Structure formats: structure tokens, C-alpha cells
């Protein structure tokens, strides 16, 4: 009996199989209620358009892409995608509080990488992810989860591309985690 292992409390997470089923039900409900699947890149776009319109309204109106989201009737922030993203953020924080995973700010990393390098790589990865979501006309959650759930060929291709790319580049970045 290893007393040290027994005394360390491991963070509590939902069973991954149950979590997968629940995620599938959420995607199904979203498609049924809204007529489209989940996604978060629309919320970021709404935030960027609103910020740009607040800071430089004339430049935003002159921009062909951003001007199509500006309306006198309602704010770009008043879309269900913004509320979905806020719900995801608040739900994650609430789950962390309820199950005792929120203690203090920490940077998850392997032993061979500095905090600074980890944050720089995370920033670069996030920027590439955001850029890719605009080229792909949606984020991976929208394309992969919702696309695959609705049996869209594009969703299946995106899912294989995401995991294939992950496996291809994992070899080069594994030294930072092992």
C-alpha cells in the first residue's frame, strides 16, 4: 500500500465516455434547436467587429467583411454564439470550482521547457488556430464536431485532418512534454 499516493488528491473529472455521450447530446440539441451546430469562432468575430466599431466606426464601415455584421437594429454581440462561448467559459470555471481544480494560476508543461517558451508556443498555436478558423470559415468544434455529427463529408475530412496533423507534429513537440 502506497500511503503517499493515497494521500494525494487527484482532480475529479467526468467519466470520458459519459462526457462524450453528453457532448453528442448537446450537439444534437443545438442542431435541432438552432438548425446549425456548435462553434466558437463566430463569437470571436462578433467581439472583433464590436471592438473595431467602437474604436474606429468609419474604418469598420469601410471594411467590406466587417461592415456586413454592423446593424442599427442590434449589436454584433447579441448572437447566440457569444452566449454559447460565455457559457462555456463560465461552465468551465464552475466545474473547476465545484471539483476543486481551481487553486492558483499554473502553467501546464513538461520538465524541459521554460514557462516563457511554453506561453510563447501557446500564443503562436492559438494565433494559428484562429487564423485557420477564418480560412476554414469556422472553428474546429464547428467543423469537426457538428460537421461529423450531421454526416457532412467536409466535417469528416476536417476531423481526419485535425487528428492527422496532431499525430504528424506530435513527434516534433513531444520533447517539451516528456
N, C-alpha and C. Protein backbone atom coordinates (compact mmCIF):
# COMPACT_ATOMS: atom_id res chain seq x y z
N UNK A 1 0.84 -1.19 0.00
CA UNK A 1 0.00 0.00 0.00
C UNK A 1 0.88 1.24 0.00
N UNK A 2 0.68 2.10 -0.97
CA UNK A 2 1.46 3.32 -1.09
C UNK A 2 0.68 4.46 -0.45
N UNK A 3 1.11 4.87 0.76
CA UNK A 3 0.39 5.90 1.50
C UNK A 3 0.50 7.26 0.82
N UNK A 4 1.66 7.53 0.20
CA UNK A 4 1.85 8.82 -0.44
C UNK A 4 0.85 8.99 -1.59
N UNK A 5 0.64 7.95 -2.35
CA UNK A 5 -0.29 8.00 -3.47
C UNK A 5 -1.73 8.15 -2.97
N UNK A 6 -2.04 7.49 -1.85
CA UNK A 6 -3.39 7.56 -1.31
C UNK A 6 -3.72 8.93 -0.74
N UNK A 7 -2.72 9.66 -0.24
CA UNK A 7 -2.98 10.94 0.41
C UNK A 7 -3.06 12.10 -0.58
N UNK A 8 -2.50 11.94 -1.78
CA UNK A 8 -2.57 12.99 -2.80
C UNK A 8 -3.93 12.91 -3.47
N UNK A 9 -4.66 14.01 -3.42
CA UNK A 9 -5.98 14.03 -4.03
C UNK A 9 -5.84 14.37 -5.51
N UNK A 10 -6.35 13.50 -6.34
CA UNK A 10 -6.34 13.72 -7.77
C UNK A 10 -7.55 14.57 -8.13
N UNK A 11 -7.42 15.48 -9.12
CA UNK A 11 -8.59 16.26 -9.52
C UNK A 11 -9.68 15.35 -10.07
N UNK A 12 -10.92 15.73 -9.86
CA UNK A 12 -12.05 14.92 -10.31
C UNK A 12 -12.50 15.41 -11.68
N UNK A 13 -12.68 14.46 -12.57
CA UNK A 13 -13.17 14.76 -13.92
C UNK A 13 -14.34 13.83 -14.19
N UNK A 14 -15.17 14.23 -15.14
CA UNK A 14 -16.28 13.39 -15.53
C UNK A 14 -15.74 12.18 -16.29
N UNK A 15 -16.45 11.08 -16.22
CA UNK A 15 -16.08 9.90 -16.98
C UNK A 15 -16.05 10.28 -18.47
N UNK A 16 -14.96 9.98 -19.18
CA UNK A 16 -14.85 10.43 -20.58
C UNK A 16 -15.92 9.84 -21.49
N UNK A 17 -16.39 8.64 -21.21
CA UNK A 17 -17.43 8.04 -22.04
C UNK A 17 -18.76 8.77 -21.82
N UNK A 18 -19.06 9.08 -20.57
CA UNK A 18 -20.26 9.84 -20.26
C UNK A 18 -20.15 11.25 -20.84
N UNK A 19 -18.97 11.87 -20.73
CA UNK A 19 -18.75 13.19 -21.29
C UNK A 19 -18.96 13.20 -22.80
N UNK A 20 -18.48 12.17 -23.48
CA UNK A 20 -18.68 12.07 -24.94
C UNK A 20 -20.14 11.95 -25.32
N UNK A 21 -20.87 11.15 -24.57
CA UNK A 21 -22.31 11.00 -24.83
C UNK A 21 -23.03 12.33 -24.58
N UNK A 22 -22.69 13.00 -23.47
CA UNK A 22 -23.31 14.29 -23.17
C UNK A 22 -22.98 15.33 -24.24
N UNK A 23 -21.73 15.35 -24.72
CA UNK A 23 -21.35 16.28 -25.78
C UNK A 23 -22.15 16.00 -27.05
N UNK A 24 -22.31 14.73 -27.37
CA UNK A 24 -23.11 14.36 -28.54
C UNK A 24 -24.55 14.83 -28.41
N UNK A 25 -25.11 14.70 -27.20
CA UNK A 25 -26.48 15.16 -26.97
C UNK A 25 -26.59 16.68 -27.09
N UNK A 26 -25.57 17.39 -26.63
CA UNK A 26 -25.56 18.85 -26.75
C UNK A 26 -25.50 19.25 -28.22
N UNK A 27 -24.66 18.58 -29.02
CA UNK A 27 -24.59 18.87 -30.45
C UNK A 27 -25.94 18.58 -31.11
N UNK A 28 -26.55 17.45 -30.77
CA UNK A 28 -27.85 17.09 -31.32
C UNK A 28 -28.91 18.15 -30.97
N UNK A 29 -28.94 18.57 -29.72
CA UNK A 29 -29.90 19.58 -29.28
C UNK A 29 -29.66 20.91 -29.99
N UNK A 30 -28.39 21.27 -30.17
CA UNK A 30 -28.06 22.53 -30.84
C UNK A 30 -28.52 22.51 -32.29
N UNK A 31 -28.27 21.42 -32.99
CA UNK A 31 -28.71 21.30 -34.39
C UNK A 31 -30.23 21.33 -34.46
N UNK A 32 -30.89 20.66 -33.52
CA UNK A 32 -32.36 20.61 -33.51
C UNK A 32 -32.95 21.98 -33.23
N UNK A 33 -32.39 22.70 -32.25
CA UNK A 33 -32.96 23.99 -31.83
C UNK A 33 -32.59 25.12 -32.78
N UNK A 34 -31.32 25.19 -33.18
CA UNK A 34 -30.85 26.35 -33.96
C UNK A 34 -30.74 26.07 -35.45
N UNK A 35 -30.74 24.81 -35.85
CA UNK A 35 -30.58 24.48 -37.25
C UNK A 35 -29.14 24.45 -37.70
N UNK A 36 -28.22 24.64 -36.77
CA UNK A 36 -26.79 24.55 -37.06
C UNK A 36 -26.06 24.03 -35.83
N UNK A 37 -24.82 23.65 -36.01
CA UNK A 37 -24.07 23.03 -34.92
C UNK A 37 -23.34 24.02 -34.04
N UNK A 38 -22.52 23.46 -33.17
CA UNK A 38 -21.73 24.26 -32.24
C UNK A 38 -20.55 24.92 -32.95
N UNK A 39 -20.04 25.96 -32.35
CA UNK A 39 -18.87 26.64 -32.87
C UNK A 39 -18.60 27.88 -32.04
N UNK A 40 -17.35 28.30 -32.00
CA UNK A 40 -17.00 29.46 -31.18
C UNK A 40 -16.37 30.59 -31.97
N UNK A 41 -15.94 30.35 -33.19
CA UNK A 41 -15.25 31.40 -33.94
C UNK A 41 -16.17 32.56 -34.27
N UNK A 42 -17.47 32.33 -34.38
CA UNK A 42 -18.41 33.41 -34.63
C UNK A 42 -18.46 34.40 -33.48
N UNK A 43 -18.28 33.91 -32.25
CA UNK A 43 -18.28 34.79 -31.09
C UNK A 43 -17.04 35.69 -31.11
N UNK A 44 -15.91 35.15 -31.50
CA UNK A 44 -14.68 35.95 -31.58
C UNK A 44 -14.84 37.01 -32.66
N UNK A 45 -15.41 36.61 -33.80
CA UNK A 45 -15.66 37.58 -34.87
C UNK A 45 -16.57 38.70 -34.38
N UNK A 46 -17.61 38.36 -33.65
CA UNK A 46 -18.53 39.38 -33.12
C UNK A 46 -17.80 40.34 -32.18
N UNK A 47 -16.91 39.80 -31.35
CA UNK A 47 -16.15 40.65 -30.43
C UNK A 47 -15.20 41.57 -31.19
N UNK A 48 -14.56 41.06 -32.22
CA UNK A 48 -13.63 41.87 -33.02
C UNK A 48 -14.38 42.98 -33.75
N UNK A 49 -15.53 42.64 -34.36
CA UNK A 49 -16.31 43.64 -35.08
C UNK A 49 -16.81 44.72 -34.12
N UNK A 50 -17.31 44.32 -32.95
CA UNK A 50 -17.81 45.28 -31.97
C UNK A 50 -16.69 46.19 -31.47
N UNK A 51 -15.53 45.60 -31.18
CA UNK A 51 -14.39 46.39 -30.72
C UNK A 51 -13.94 47.37 -31.80
N UNK A 52 -13.83 46.89 -33.03
CA UNK A 52 -13.42 47.75 -34.13
C UNK A 52 -14.43 48.86 -34.35
N UNK A 53 -15.70 48.55 -34.28
CA UNK A 53 -16.74 49.55 -34.49
C UNK A 53 -16.76 50.60 -33.38
N UNK A 54 -16.39 50.20 -32.18
CA UNK A 54 -16.32 51.13 -31.06
C UNK A 54 -15.13 52.07 -31.19
N UNK A 55 -13.97 51.51 -31.60
CA UNK A 55 -12.74 52.29 -31.68
C UNK A 55 -12.69 53.13 -32.96
N UNK A 56 -13.03 52.52 -34.09
CA UNK A 56 -12.94 53.21 -35.39
C UNK A 56 -14.16 52.88 -36.25
N UNK A 57 -15.30 53.51 -35.97
CA UNK A 57 -16.53 53.16 -36.69
C UNK A 57 -16.46 53.38 -38.21
N UNK A 58 -15.81 54.44 -38.63
CA UNK A 58 -15.71 54.73 -40.08
C UNK A 58 -14.89 53.66 -40.79
N UNK A 59 -13.78 53.25 -40.18
CA UNK A 59 -12.94 52.21 -40.78
C UNK A 59 -13.67 50.87 -40.81
N UNK A 60 -14.46 50.59 -39.77
CA UNK A 60 -15.22 49.34 -39.73
C UNK A 60 -16.29 49.33 -40.81
N UNK A 61 -16.97 50.45 -40.99
CA UNK A 61 -17.99 50.54 -42.04
C UNK A 61 -17.38 50.44 -43.43
N UNK A 62 -16.16 50.93 -43.59
CA UNK A 62 -15.47 50.87 -44.89
C UNK A 62 -14.93 49.48 -45.20
N UNK A 63 -14.75 48.64 -44.16
CA UNK A 63 -14.24 47.30 -44.35
C UNK A 63 -15.37 46.41 -44.88
N UNK A 64 -15.18 45.84 -46.05
CA UNK A 64 -16.22 45.03 -46.70
C UNK A 64 -16.68 43.86 -45.83
N UNK A 65 -15.72 43.18 -45.20
CA UNK A 65 -16.07 42.00 -44.39
C UNK A 65 -16.80 42.40 -43.11
N UNK A 66 -16.25 43.34 -42.36
CA UNK A 66 -16.82 43.69 -41.06
C UNK A 66 -18.13 44.47 -41.18
N UNK A 67 -18.28 45.24 -42.24
CA UNK A 67 -19.47 46.08 -42.38
C UNK A 67 -20.76 45.26 -42.49
N UNK A 68 -20.66 44.03 -42.97
CA UNK A 68 -21.86 43.21 -43.11
C UNK A 68 -22.43 42.75 -41.77
N UNK A 69 -21.66 42.89 -40.69
CA UNK A 69 -22.14 42.46 -39.37
C UNK A 69 -22.63 43.63 -38.52
N UNK A 70 -22.51 44.85 -39.04
CA UNK A 70 -22.94 46.04 -38.31
C UNK A 70 -24.38 46.36 -38.69
N UNK A 71 -25.19 46.62 -37.68
CA UNK A 71 -26.59 46.93 -37.91
C UNK A 71 -27.07 47.95 -36.88
N UNK A 72 -28.00 48.79 -37.28
CA UNK A 72 -28.59 49.72 -36.33
C UNK A 72 -29.58 49.02 -35.40
N UNK A 73 -30.07 47.86 -35.82
CA UNK A 73 -31.09 47.13 -35.05
C UNK A 73 -30.53 46.44 -33.82
N UNK A 74 -29.34 45.85 -33.95
CA UNK A 74 -28.77 45.10 -32.82
C UNK A 74 -27.25 45.05 -32.91
N UNK A 75 -26.64 44.80 -31.76
CA UNK A 75 -25.19 44.72 -31.67
C UNK A 75 -24.71 43.36 -32.20
N UNK A 76 -23.51 43.31 -32.80
CA UNK A 76 -22.96 42.01 -33.21
C UNK A 76 -22.75 41.06 -32.01
N UNK A 77 -22.69 41.64 -30.81
CA UNK A 77 -22.51 40.81 -29.61
C UNK A 77 -23.79 40.09 -29.20
N UNK A 78 -24.92 40.48 -29.79
CA UNK A 78 -26.19 39.88 -29.42
C UNK A 78 -26.51 38.71 -30.37
N UNK A 79 -25.65 37.70 -30.33
CA UNK A 79 -25.87 36.47 -31.09
C UNK A 79 -25.73 35.30 -30.14
N UNK A 80 -26.34 34.20 -30.49
CA UNK A 80 -26.31 33.05 -29.58
C UNK A 80 -24.89 32.48 -29.45
N UNK A 81 -24.03 32.69 -30.47
CA UNK A 81 -22.66 32.18 -30.37
C UNK A 81 -21.87 32.87 -29.26
N UNK A 82 -22.14 34.16 -29.04
CA UNK A 82 -21.48 34.88 -27.95
C UNK A 82 -21.92 34.29 -26.61
N UNK A 83 -23.23 34.05 -26.46
CA UNK A 83 -23.73 33.48 -25.22
C UNK A 83 -23.26 32.04 -25.01
N UNK A 84 -23.12 31.30 -26.11
CA UNK A 84 -22.57 29.94 -26.02
C UNK A 84 -21.13 29.98 -25.48
N UNK A 85 -20.32 30.88 -26.03
CA UNK A 85 -18.92 30.97 -25.61
C UNK A 85 -18.80 31.42 -24.15
N UNK A 86 -19.63 32.38 -23.75
CA UNK A 86 -19.63 32.81 -22.35
C UNK A 86 -20.06 31.67 -21.44
N UNK A 87 -21.04 30.89 -21.88
CA UNK A 87 -21.49 29.73 -21.11
C UNK A 87 -20.40 28.68 -20.97
N UNK A 88 -19.62 28.47 -22.04
CA UNK A 88 -18.50 27.52 -21.97
C UNK A 88 -17.46 27.98 -20.96
N UNK A 89 -17.13 29.27 -20.99
CA UNK A 89 -16.16 29.82 -20.07
C UNK A 89 -16.65 29.70 -18.62
N UNK A 90 -17.87 30.15 -18.38
CA UNK A 90 -18.42 30.09 -17.02
C UNK A 90 -18.63 28.66 -16.55
N UNK A 91 -19.03 27.77 -17.45
CA UNK A 91 -19.20 26.36 -17.09
C UNK A 91 -17.88 25.70 -16.71
N UNK A 92 -16.83 26.03 -17.43
CA UNK A 92 -15.51 25.51 -17.10
C UNK A 92 -15.02 25.99 -15.75
N UNK A 93 -15.22 27.28 -15.48
CA UNK A 93 -14.83 27.84 -14.18
C UNK A 93 -15.65 27.21 -13.06
N UNK A 94 -16.95 27.09 -13.27
CA UNK A 94 -17.82 26.49 -12.26
C UNK A 94 -17.43 25.04 -11.98
N UNK A 95 -17.13 24.28 -13.03
CA UNK A 95 -16.70 22.89 -12.86
C UNK A 95 -15.40 22.83 -12.07
N UNK A 96 -14.46 23.73 -12.38
CA UNK A 96 -13.19 23.77 -11.65
C UNK A 96 -13.38 24.10 -10.19
N UNK A 97 -14.31 25.01 -9.89
CA UNK A 97 -14.58 25.38 -8.50
C UNK A 97 -15.25 24.22 -7.76
N UNK A 98 -16.27 23.63 -8.38
CA UNK A 98 -17.04 22.55 -7.72
C UNK A 98 -16.15 21.35 -7.43
N UNK A 99 -15.27 20.99 -8.36
CA UNK A 99 -14.45 19.80 -8.20
C UNK A 99 -13.04 20.09 -7.69
N UNK A 100 -12.79 21.32 -7.24
CA UNK A 100 -11.53 21.64 -6.58
C UNK A 100 -10.31 21.69 -7.46
N UNK A 101 -10.48 22.00 -8.76
CA UNK A 101 -9.33 22.07 -9.66
C UNK A 101 -8.77 23.48 -9.75
N UNK A 102 -9.48 24.47 -9.24
CA UNK A 102 -9.00 25.85 -9.30
C UNK A 102 -8.38 26.19 -7.96
N UNK A 103 -7.09 26.28 -7.95
CA UNK A 103 -6.37 26.63 -6.73
C UNK A 103 -5.57 27.91 -6.96
N UNK A 104 -4.72 27.90 -7.97
CA UNK A 104 -3.96 29.09 -8.34
C UNK A 104 -3.56 28.94 -9.80
N UNK A 105 -3.14 30.03 -10.38
CA UNK A 105 -2.72 30.02 -11.78
C UNK A 105 -1.49 29.13 -11.94
N UNK A 106 -1.52 28.26 -12.93
CA UNK A 106 -0.36 27.41 -13.19
C UNK A 106 -0.21 27.23 -14.70
N UNK A 107 0.99 26.89 -15.09
CA UNK A 107 1.28 26.65 -16.49
C UNK A 107 1.60 25.17 -16.64
N UNK A 108 0.74 24.45 -17.36
CA UNK A 108 1.00 23.03 -17.60
C UNK A 108 2.07 22.89 -18.66
N UNK A 109 3.11 22.15 -18.32
CA UNK A 109 4.22 21.97 -19.25
C UNK A 109 5.06 20.80 -18.82
N UNK A 110 5.93 20.38 -19.70
CA UNK A 110 6.87 19.33 -19.37
C UNK A 110 8.09 19.89 -18.66
N UNK A 111 8.99 19.03 -18.21
CA UNK A 111 10.14 19.49 -17.44
C UNK A 111 11.23 20.17 -18.27
N UNK A 112 11.20 20.02 -19.58
CA UNK A 112 12.29 20.54 -20.42
C UNK A 112 11.95 21.84 -21.14
N UNK A 113 10.94 22.54 -20.68
CA UNK A 113 10.56 23.78 -21.34
C UNK A 113 10.30 24.85 -20.27
N UNK A 114 10.72 26.06 -20.56
CA UNK A 114 10.52 27.15 -19.60
C UNK A 114 9.08 27.66 -19.68
N UNK A 115 8.66 28.34 -18.63
CA UNK A 115 7.32 28.92 -18.64
C UNK A 115 7.16 29.90 -19.80
N UNK A 116 8.18 30.71 -20.02
CA UNK A 116 8.12 31.71 -21.09
C UNK A 116 7.97 31.05 -22.46
N UNK A 117 8.78 30.03 -22.73
CA UNK A 117 8.71 29.36 -24.02
C UNK A 117 7.35 28.67 -24.19
N UNK A 118 6.82 28.09 -23.12
CA UNK A 118 5.51 27.43 -23.18
C UNK A 118 4.42 28.44 -23.52
N UNK A 119 4.46 29.61 -22.89
CA UNK A 119 3.46 30.64 -23.17
C UNK A 119 3.59 31.19 -24.59
N UNK A 120 4.83 31.35 -25.07
CA UNK A 120 5.05 31.83 -26.44
C UNK A 120 4.52 30.81 -27.44
N UNK A 121 4.83 29.53 -27.23
CA UNK A 121 4.32 28.49 -28.13
C UNK A 121 2.80 28.39 -28.08
N UNK A 122 2.21 28.57 -26.90
CA UNK A 122 0.76 28.55 -26.78
C UNK A 122 0.14 29.73 -27.53
N UNK A 123 0.77 30.90 -27.44
CA UNK A 123 0.28 32.08 -28.15
C UNK A 123 0.36 31.88 -29.66
N UNK A 124 1.47 31.34 -30.14
CA UNK A 124 1.63 31.08 -31.57
C UNK A 124 0.59 30.06 -32.03
N UNK A 125 0.42 28.99 -31.26
CA UNK A 125 -0.57 27.97 -31.61
C UNK A 125 -1.98 28.53 -31.63
N UNK A 126 -2.31 29.37 -30.66
CA UNK A 126 -3.63 29.99 -30.63
C UNK A 126 -3.86 30.91 -31.81
N UNK A 127 -2.83 31.67 -32.17
CA UNK A 127 -2.95 32.58 -33.33
C UNK A 127 -3.14 31.78 -34.62
N UNK A 128 -2.37 30.71 -34.78
CA UNK A 128 -2.53 29.85 -35.97
C UNK A 128 -3.90 29.20 -36.00
N UNK A 129 -4.39 28.80 -34.83
CA UNK A 129 -5.72 28.20 -34.73
C UNK A 129 -6.79 29.22 -35.17
N UNK A 130 -6.67 30.45 -34.68
CA UNK A 130 -7.63 31.49 -35.05
C UNK A 130 -7.57 31.84 -36.53
N UNK A 131 -6.36 31.93 -37.07
CA UNK A 131 -6.19 32.21 -38.49
C UNK A 131 -6.79 31.08 -39.34
N UNK A 132 -6.50 29.85 -38.93
CA UNK A 132 -7.04 28.70 -39.64
C UNK A 132 -8.57 28.65 -39.59
N UNK A 133 -9.15 29.08 -38.47
CA UNK A 133 -10.61 29.06 -38.37
C UNK A 133 -11.23 30.05 -39.34
N UNK A 134 -10.53 31.15 -39.63
CA UNK A 134 -11.06 32.11 -40.60
C UNK A 134 -10.89 31.60 -42.03
N UNK A 135 -9.75 30.95 -42.31
CA UNK A 135 -9.57 30.36 -43.65
C UNK A 135 -10.57 29.24 -43.89
N UNK A 136 -10.84 28.47 -42.85
CA UNK A 136 -11.76 27.34 -42.97
C UNK A 136 -13.22 27.73 -42.78
N UNK A 137 -13.49 29.01 -42.58
CA UNK A 137 -14.84 29.53 -42.38
C UNK A 137 -15.53 28.90 -41.18
N UNK A 138 -14.77 28.66 -40.13
CA UNK A 138 -15.33 28.14 -38.89
C UNK A 138 -14.27 27.43 -38.08
N UNK A 139 -14.54 27.29 -36.79
CA UNK A 139 -13.56 26.65 -35.91
C UNK A 139 -13.67 25.13 -35.98
N UNK A 140 -12.72 24.46 -35.39
CA UNK A 140 -12.70 23.00 -35.46
C UNK A 140 -13.89 22.38 -34.75
N UNK A 141 -14.34 23.00 -33.66
CA UNK A 141 -15.50 22.42 -32.99
C UNK A 141 -16.72 22.48 -33.90
N UNK A 142 -16.86 23.57 -34.62
CA UNK A 142 -17.99 23.67 -35.54
C UNK A 142 -17.84 22.73 -36.72
N UNK A 143 -16.66 22.70 -37.30
CA UNK A 143 -16.45 21.88 -38.49
C UNK A 143 -16.38 20.40 -38.17
N UNK A 144 -15.61 20.04 -37.16
CA UNK A 144 -15.40 18.62 -36.86
C UNK A 144 -16.57 18.01 -36.10
N UNK A 145 -16.91 18.59 -34.95
CA UNK A 145 -17.99 18.01 -34.14
C UNK A 145 -19.33 18.08 -34.85
N UNK A 146 -19.72 19.28 -35.23
CA UNK A 146 -21.03 19.44 -35.83
C UNK A 146 -21.08 18.87 -37.24
N UNK A 147 -20.00 19.05 -37.99
CA UNK A 147 -19.97 18.50 -39.34
C UNK A 147 -20.03 16.99 -39.37
N UNK A 148 -19.27 16.35 -38.49
CA UNK A 148 -19.29 14.89 -38.42
C UNK A 148 -20.63 14.40 -37.88
N UNK A 149 -21.19 15.12 -36.91
CA UNK A 149 -22.47 14.71 -36.33
C UNK A 149 -23.61 14.77 -37.34
N UNK A 150 -23.49 15.65 -38.32
CA UNK A 150 -24.53 15.75 -39.34
C UNK A 150 -24.15 14.97 -40.61
N UNK A 151 -23.12 14.17 -40.52
CA UNK A 151 -22.65 13.32 -41.62
C UNK A 151 -22.21 14.12 -42.84
N UNK A 152 -21.70 15.33 -42.62
CA UNK A 152 -21.18 16.14 -43.72
C UNK A 152 -19.79 15.64 -44.09
N UNK A 153 -19.55 15.44 -45.36
CA UNK A 153 -18.24 14.95 -45.82
C UNK A 153 -17.13 15.90 -45.40
N UNK A 154 -17.38 17.20 -45.49
CA UNK A 154 -16.38 18.18 -45.06
C UNK A 154 -16.02 18.02 -43.60
N UNK A 155 -17.00 17.72 -42.75
CA UNK A 155 -16.74 17.51 -41.31
C UNK A 155 -15.85 16.31 -41.07
N UNK A 156 -16.09 15.25 -41.82
CA UNK A 156 -15.27 14.04 -41.68
C UNK A 156 -13.84 14.32 -42.14
N UNK A 157 -13.70 15.04 -43.25
CA UNK A 157 -12.37 15.38 -43.75
C UNK A 157 -11.63 16.26 -42.74
N UNK A 158 -12.33 17.25 -42.17
CA UNK A 158 -11.72 18.12 -41.17
C UNK A 158 -11.28 17.32 -39.96
N UNK A 159 -12.11 16.39 -39.50
CA UNK A 159 -11.77 15.57 -38.33
C UNK A 159 -10.49 14.77 -38.59
N UNK A 160 -10.40 14.13 -39.75
CA UNK A 160 -9.18 13.38 -40.07
C UNK A 160 -7.97 14.31 -40.21
N UNK A 161 -8.18 15.50 -40.78
CA UNK A 161 -7.08 16.45 -40.93
C UNK A 161 -6.58 16.94 -39.58
N UNK A 162 -7.51 17.20 -38.66
CA UNK A 162 -7.12 17.68 -37.33
C UNK A 162 -6.29 16.63 -36.61
N UNK A 163 -6.82 15.41 -36.52
CA UNK A 163 -6.10 14.37 -35.80
C UNK A 163 -4.85 13.93 -36.55
N UNK A 164 -4.89 13.90 -37.87
CA UNK A 164 -3.71 13.54 -38.65
C UNK A 164 -2.58 14.54 -38.46
N UNK A 165 -2.91 15.82 -38.49
CA UNK A 165 -1.91 16.86 -38.26
C UNK A 165 -1.37 16.77 -36.84
N UNK A 166 -2.26 16.53 -35.88
CA UNK A 166 -1.82 16.38 -34.49
C UNK A 166 -0.81 15.25 -34.33
N UNK A 167 -1.11 14.11 -34.94
CA UNK A 167 -0.17 12.98 -34.86
C UNK A 167 1.13 13.29 -35.60
N UNK A 168 1.04 13.99 -36.73
CA UNK A 168 2.24 14.30 -37.52
C UNK A 168 3.19 15.24 -36.78
N UNK A 169 2.66 16.25 -36.11
CA UNK A 169 3.54 17.22 -35.44
C UNK A 169 3.87 16.82 -34.00
N UNK A 170 3.15 15.88 -33.44
CA UNK A 170 3.39 15.48 -32.05
C UNK A 170 4.83 14.99 -31.85
N UNK A 171 5.38 14.31 -32.83
CA UNK A 171 6.74 13.80 -32.72
C UNK A 171 7.73 14.92 -32.47
N UNK A 172 7.54 16.05 -33.13
CA UNK A 172 8.48 17.16 -33.03
C UNK A 172 8.34 17.96 -31.73
N UNK A 173 7.17 17.90 -31.13
CA UNK A 173 6.93 18.68 -29.91
C UNK A 173 6.92 17.82 -28.64
N UNK A 174 7.07 16.52 -28.76
CA UNK A 174 6.99 15.64 -27.59
C UNK A 174 8.11 15.87 -26.59
N UNK A 175 9.25 16.37 -27.08
CA UNK A 175 10.38 16.62 -26.17
C UNK A 175 10.05 17.67 -25.13
N UNK A 176 9.06 18.53 -25.42
CA UNK A 176 8.67 19.55 -24.45
C UNK A 176 7.77 18.99 -23.34
N UNK A 177 7.20 17.81 -23.55
CA UNK A 177 6.25 17.25 -22.60
C UNK A 177 6.76 16.04 -21.86
N UNK A 178 7.77 15.38 -22.40
CA UNK A 178 8.25 14.13 -21.77
C UNK A 178 9.42 14.43 -20.87
